[in-house]
Amino acid sequence: PGASPAAEQTLLVGNLESRVREEILYELFLQAGPLTKVMICEDKEGKPKSFGYVCFKHKVSVPYAKALLDGICLYGRPITVQYWRGMLCSPNGKALQSSCWV
């Protein structure tokens, strides 16, 4: 079985500095193609974790975004961009199965 459509349209973005917000990721990843969702995971206290997810409208944008943006520095820290493996986090920081939506 192949990857789900959501997995094919989603990237995991890691090594995020605490000042990085969803709006910043949105503007950055929009350079690679139209987006449907951007999410930075939070811990139990509501503080941003060092990773999040970016969902694209078209799966062709995913490898382009990875090649374009993996290693780029935000607030002096190089971000990591990886293919999604199927788990997103809920607002309370726990992992959950999910998909991208508008």
N, C-alpha and C. Protein backbone atom coordinates (compact mmCIF):
# COMPACT_ATOMS: atom_id res chain seq x y z
N PRO A 1 0.82 -1.20 0.00
CA PRO A 1 0.00 0.00 0.00
C PRO A 1 0.86 1.26 0.00
N GLY A 2 0.46 2.24 -0.76
CA GLY A 2 1.19 3.50 -0.84
C GLY A 2 0.82 4.42 0.29
N ALA A 3 1.45 5.56 0.30
CA ALA A 3 1.17 6.56 1.33
C ALA A 3 -0.22 7.14 1.12
N SER A 4 -0.84 7.56 2.20
CA SER A 4 -2.16 8.17 2.09
C SER A 4 -2.03 9.52 1.39
N PRO A 5 -3.13 10.00 0.80
CA PRO A 5 -3.07 11.32 0.15
C PRO A 5 -2.59 12.41 1.09
N ALA A 6 -3.01 12.37 2.36
CA ALA A 6 -2.56 13.40 3.31
C ALA A 6 -1.05 13.33 3.50
N ALA A 7 -0.51 12.11 3.61
CA ALA A 7 0.94 11.96 3.80
C ALA A 7 1.70 12.48 2.59
N GLU A 8 1.16 12.27 1.41
CA GLU A 8 1.83 12.73 0.19
C GLU A 8 1.82 14.24 0.06
N GLN A 9 0.99 14.92 0.83
CA GLN A 9 0.86 16.37 0.73
C GLN A 9 1.38 17.10 1.98
N THR A 10 2.04 16.38 2.88
CA THR A 10 2.43 16.94 4.17
C THR A 10 3.91 16.78 4.45
N LEU A 11 4.50 17.81 5.03
CA LEU A 11 5.89 17.77 5.47
C LEU A 11 5.96 18.03 6.97
N LEU A 12 6.88 17.34 7.63
CA LEU A 12 7.21 17.59 9.03
C LEU A 12 8.35 18.60 9.04
N VAL A 13 8.17 19.67 9.79
CA VAL A 13 9.19 20.71 9.88
C VAL A 13 9.71 20.71 11.32
N GLY A 14 11.01 20.47 11.47
CA GLY A 14 11.59 20.34 12.80
C GLY A 14 12.69 21.35 13.08
N ASN A 15 13.20 21.27 14.31
CA ASN A 15 14.26 22.15 14.81
C ASN A 15 13.83 23.62 14.79
N LEU A 16 12.55 23.85 15.10
CA LEU A 16 12.03 25.22 15.10
C LEU A 16 12.42 25.96 16.37
N GLU A 17 12.87 27.17 16.21
CA GLU A 17 13.17 28.06 17.33
C GLU A 17 11.84 28.49 17.95
N SER A 18 11.82 28.75 19.24
CA SER A 18 10.56 29.02 19.95
C SER A 18 9.82 30.26 19.44
N ARG A 19 10.50 31.18 18.77
CA ARG A 19 9.83 32.37 18.25
C ARG A 19 9.14 32.14 16.91
N VAL A 20 9.37 31.00 16.27
CA VAL A 20 8.74 30.72 14.98
C VAL A 20 7.25 30.48 15.20
N ARG A 21 6.44 31.17 14.44
CA ARG A 21 4.98 31.04 14.52
C ARG A 21 4.45 30.44 13.23
N GLU A 22 3.20 29.98 13.29
CA GLU A 22 2.57 29.37 12.11
C GLU A 22 2.54 30.33 10.94
N GLU A 23 2.35 31.61 11.20
CA GLU A 23 2.30 32.60 10.12
C GLU A 23 3.63 32.67 9.38
N ILE A 24 4.73 32.54 10.11
CA ILE A 24 6.05 32.56 9.49
C ILE A 24 6.24 31.34 8.60
N LEU A 25 5.86 30.16 9.12
CA LEU A 25 5.97 28.95 8.30
C LEU A 25 5.08 29.04 7.07
N TYR A 26 3.88 29.59 7.25
CA TYR A 26 2.97 29.74 6.11
C TYR A 26 3.62 30.57 5.01
N GLU A 27 4.13 31.73 5.36
CA GLU A 27 4.74 32.62 4.36
C GLU A 27 5.97 31.97 3.71
N LEU A 28 6.75 31.25 4.50
CA LEU A 28 7.95 30.60 3.97
C LEU A 28 7.59 29.47 3.00
N PHE A 29 6.72 28.57 3.42
CA PHE A 29 6.40 27.40 2.61
C PHE A 29 5.47 27.73 1.45
N LEU A 30 4.79 28.85 1.50
CA LEU A 30 3.94 29.28 0.38
C LEU A 30 4.77 29.48 -0.88
N GLN A 31 6.07 29.73 -0.73
CA GLN A 31 6.96 29.88 -1.88
C GLN A 31 7.02 28.61 -2.72
N ALA A 32 6.72 27.46 -2.11
CA ALA A 32 6.80 26.18 -2.82
C ALA A 32 5.47 25.75 -3.43
N GLY A 33 4.38 26.38 -3.04
CA GLY A 33 3.08 26.02 -3.59
C GLY A 33 1.96 26.36 -2.63
N PRO A 34 0.70 26.27 -3.10
CA PRO A 34 -0.46 26.59 -2.26
C PRO A 34 -0.55 25.65 -1.06
N LEU A 35 -0.90 26.22 0.09
CA LEU A 35 -1.00 25.46 1.34
C LEU A 35 -2.45 25.29 1.76
N THR A 36 -2.72 24.20 2.48
CA THR A 36 -4.04 24.00 3.06
C THR A 36 -4.03 24.11 4.57
N LYS A 37 -2.85 23.88 5.20
CA LYS A 37 -2.78 23.95 6.66
C LYS A 37 -1.33 24.06 7.10
N VAL A 38 -1.13 24.81 8.18
CA VAL A 38 0.17 24.91 8.85
C VAL A 38 -0.11 24.78 10.34
N MET A 39 0.65 23.94 11.02
CA MET A 39 0.43 23.73 12.45
C MET A 39 1.76 23.53 13.16
N ILE A 40 1.97 24.26 14.25
CA ILE A 40 3.09 24.02 15.15
C ILE A 40 2.52 23.36 16.39
N CYS A 41 3.07 22.22 16.77
CA CYS A 41 2.57 21.48 17.93
C CYS A 41 2.93 22.21 19.22
N GLU A 42 2.10 21.98 20.25
CA GLU A 42 2.29 22.64 21.54
C GLU A 42 2.41 21.60 22.64
N ASP A 43 3.07 22.01 23.74
CA ASP A 43 3.16 21.13 24.90
C ASP A 43 1.92 21.31 25.78
N LYS A 44 1.90 20.64 26.93
CA LYS A 44 0.73 20.69 27.82
C LYS A 44 0.42 22.10 28.31
N GLU A 45 1.45 22.94 28.41
CA GLU A 45 1.26 24.31 28.88
C GLU A 45 0.91 25.27 27.74
N GLY A 46 0.81 24.76 26.52
CA GLY A 46 0.48 25.61 25.38
C GLY A 46 1.67 26.29 24.74
N LYS A 47 2.88 25.92 25.16
CA LYS A 47 4.09 26.49 24.57
C LYS A 47 4.42 25.73 23.29
N PRO A 48 4.92 26.44 22.28
CA PRO A 48 5.23 25.75 21.02
C PRO A 48 6.36 24.74 21.17
N LYS A 49 6.17 23.58 20.56
CA LYS A 49 7.24 22.58 20.50
C LYS A 49 8.16 22.95 19.35
N SER A 50 9.20 22.19 19.16
CA SER A 50 10.19 22.53 18.13
C SER A 50 9.88 21.90 16.78
N PHE A 51 8.62 21.49 16.56
CA PHE A 51 8.25 20.92 15.27
C PHE A 51 6.80 21.23 14.94
N GLY A 52 6.50 21.08 13.66
CA GLY A 52 5.15 21.30 13.19
C GLY A 52 4.96 20.65 11.83
N TYR A 53 3.84 20.94 11.20
CA TYR A 53 3.47 20.32 9.94
C TYR A 53 3.01 21.37 8.94
N VAL A 54 3.31 21.12 7.68
CA VAL A 54 2.87 21.98 6.59
C VAL A 54 2.18 21.08 5.57
N CYS A 55 0.94 21.41 5.24
CA CYS A 55 0.17 20.63 4.28
C CYS A 55 -0.04 21.43 3.00
N PHE A 56 0.26 20.80 1.88
CA PHE A 56 0.14 21.45 0.58
C PHE A 56 -1.13 21.02 -0.14
N LYS A 57 -1.61 21.88 -1.00
CA LYS A 57 -2.78 21.57 -1.82
C LYS A 57 -2.44 20.51 -2.86
N HIS A 58 -1.21 20.56 -3.40
CA HIS A 58 -0.79 19.63 -4.45
C HIS A 58 0.44 18.86 -4.00
N LYS A 59 0.42 17.54 -4.20
CA LYS A 59 1.55 16.72 -3.74
C LYS A 59 2.84 17.02 -4.49
N VAL A 60 2.76 17.59 -5.69
CA VAL A 60 3.96 17.94 -6.44
C VAL A 60 4.77 19.02 -5.72
N SER A 61 4.13 19.80 -4.86
CA SER A 61 4.83 20.86 -4.12
C SER A 61 5.71 20.32 -3.00
N VAL A 62 5.42 19.10 -2.53
CA VAL A 62 6.10 18.56 -1.36
C VAL A 62 7.60 18.34 -1.59
N PRO A 63 8.02 17.58 -2.62
CA PRO A 63 9.46 17.41 -2.81
C PRO A 63 10.17 18.72 -3.16
N TYR A 64 9.46 19.61 -3.85
CA TYR A 64 10.04 20.91 -4.18
C TYR A 64 10.30 21.71 -2.90
N ALA A 65 9.33 21.74 -2.00
CA ALA A 65 9.49 22.46 -0.74
C ALA A 65 10.62 21.87 0.10
N LYS A 66 10.71 20.55 0.12
CA LYS A 66 11.78 19.90 0.89
C LYS A 66 13.15 20.30 0.34
N ALA A 67 13.30 20.24 -0.97
CA ALA A 67 14.58 20.60 -1.60
C ALA A 67 14.90 22.08 -1.40
N LEU A 68 13.88 22.92 -1.48
CA LEU A 68 14.06 24.36 -1.39
C LEU A 68 14.36 24.86 0.03
N LEU A 69 13.70 24.27 1.02
CA LEU A 69 13.70 24.87 2.35
C LEU A 69 14.41 24.06 3.44
N ASP A 70 14.76 22.81 3.19
CA ASP A 70 15.46 22.01 4.20
C ASP A 70 16.80 22.67 4.52
N GLY A 71 17.03 23.00 5.77
CA GLY A 71 18.29 23.60 6.19
C GLY A 71 18.30 25.11 6.23
N ILE A 72 17.23 25.75 5.76
CA ILE A 72 17.17 27.21 5.81
C ILE A 72 17.10 27.66 7.27
N CYS A 73 17.72 28.78 7.58
CA CYS A 73 17.77 29.26 8.98
C CYS A 73 16.60 30.20 9.29
N LEU A 74 15.94 29.92 10.40
CA LEU A 74 14.93 30.81 10.97
C LEU A 74 15.38 31.16 12.38
N TYR A 75 15.54 32.43 12.65
CA TYR A 75 16.04 32.90 13.95
C TYR A 75 17.36 32.21 14.30
N GLY A 76 18.22 32.05 13.31
CA GLY A 76 19.55 31.51 13.54
C GLY A 76 19.63 30.00 13.70
N ARG A 77 18.53 29.30 13.47
CA ARG A 77 18.52 27.85 13.63
C ARG A 77 18.09 27.19 12.31
N PRO A 78 18.88 26.23 11.78
CA PRO A 78 18.50 25.57 10.54
C PRO A 78 17.32 24.62 10.76
N ILE A 79 16.27 24.78 9.98
CA ILE A 79 15.11 23.90 10.12
C ILE A 79 15.36 22.60 9.36
N THR A 80 14.69 21.54 9.81
CA THR A 80 14.73 20.27 9.09
C THR A 80 13.36 20.06 8.45
N VAL A 81 13.37 19.60 7.22
CA VAL A 81 12.13 19.35 6.49
C VAL A 81 12.15 17.89 6.06
N GLN A 82 11.17 17.12 6.54
CA GLN A 82 11.11 15.68 6.27
C GLN A 82 9.73 15.30 5.77
N TYR A 83 9.68 14.17 5.07
CA TYR A 83 8.39 13.66 4.64
C TYR A 83 7.62 13.17 5.86
N TRP A 84 6.33 13.43 5.86
CA TRP A 84 5.45 13.06 6.97
C TRP A 84 5.26 11.56 7.02
N ARG A 85 5.17 10.98 8.22
CA ARG A 85 5.00 9.54 8.40
C ARG A 85 3.61 9.15 8.88
N GLY A 86 2.70 10.11 9.02
CA GLY A 86 1.33 9.74 9.31
C GLY A 86 0.76 10.16 10.65
N MET A 87 1.52 10.84 11.50
CA MET A 87 1.00 11.25 12.80
C MET A 87 1.10 12.78 12.93
N LEU A 88 0.02 13.38 13.35
CA LEU A 88 0.03 14.81 13.69
C LEU A 88 -0.19 14.93 15.18
N CYS A 89 0.06 16.08 15.74
CA CYS A 89 -0.15 16.27 17.17
C CYS A 89 -1.43 17.06 17.40
N SER A 90 -2.05 16.78 18.52
CA SER A 90 -3.24 17.52 18.91
C SER A 90 -2.81 18.77 19.68
N PRO A 91 -3.72 19.69 19.94
CA PRO A 91 -3.35 20.91 20.67
C PRO A 91 -2.73 20.63 22.04
N ASN A 92 -3.04 19.48 22.66
CA ASN A 92 -2.44 19.18 23.97
C ASN A 92 -1.10 18.46 23.83
N GLY A 93 -0.56 18.39 22.61
CA GLY A 93 0.76 17.83 22.40
C GLY A 93 0.80 16.34 22.15
N LYS A 94 -0.35 15.67 22.23
CA LYS A 94 -0.38 14.23 21.99
C LYS A 94 -0.51 13.96 20.49
N ALA A 95 0.04 12.84 20.06
CA ALA A 95 -0.04 12.49 18.64
C ALA A 95 -1.43 11.97 18.32
N LEU A 96 -1.88 12.25 17.12
CA LEU A 96 -3.16 11.73 16.66
C LEU A 96 -3.12 11.56 15.16
N GLN A 97 -3.95 10.68 14.66
CA GLN A 97 -4.05 10.47 13.23
C GLN A 97 -4.85 11.64 12.66
N SER A 98 -4.41 12.17 11.55
CA SER A 98 -5.10 13.32 11.00
C SER A 98 -4.83 13.43 9.51
N SER A 99 -5.41 14.42 8.91
CA SER A 99 -5.14 14.71 7.51
C SER A 99 -5.18 16.22 7.33
N CYS A 100 -4.80 16.65 6.17
CA CYS A 100 -4.82 18.09 5.89
C CYS A 100 -6.22 18.53 5.51
N TRP A 101 -6.56 19.72 5.87
CA TRP A 101 -7.84 20.28 5.45
C TRP A 101 -7.70 21.77 5.27
N VAL A 102 -8.67 22.35 4.60
CA VAL A 102 -8.64 23.78 4.32
C VAL A 102 -9.25 24.54 5.47
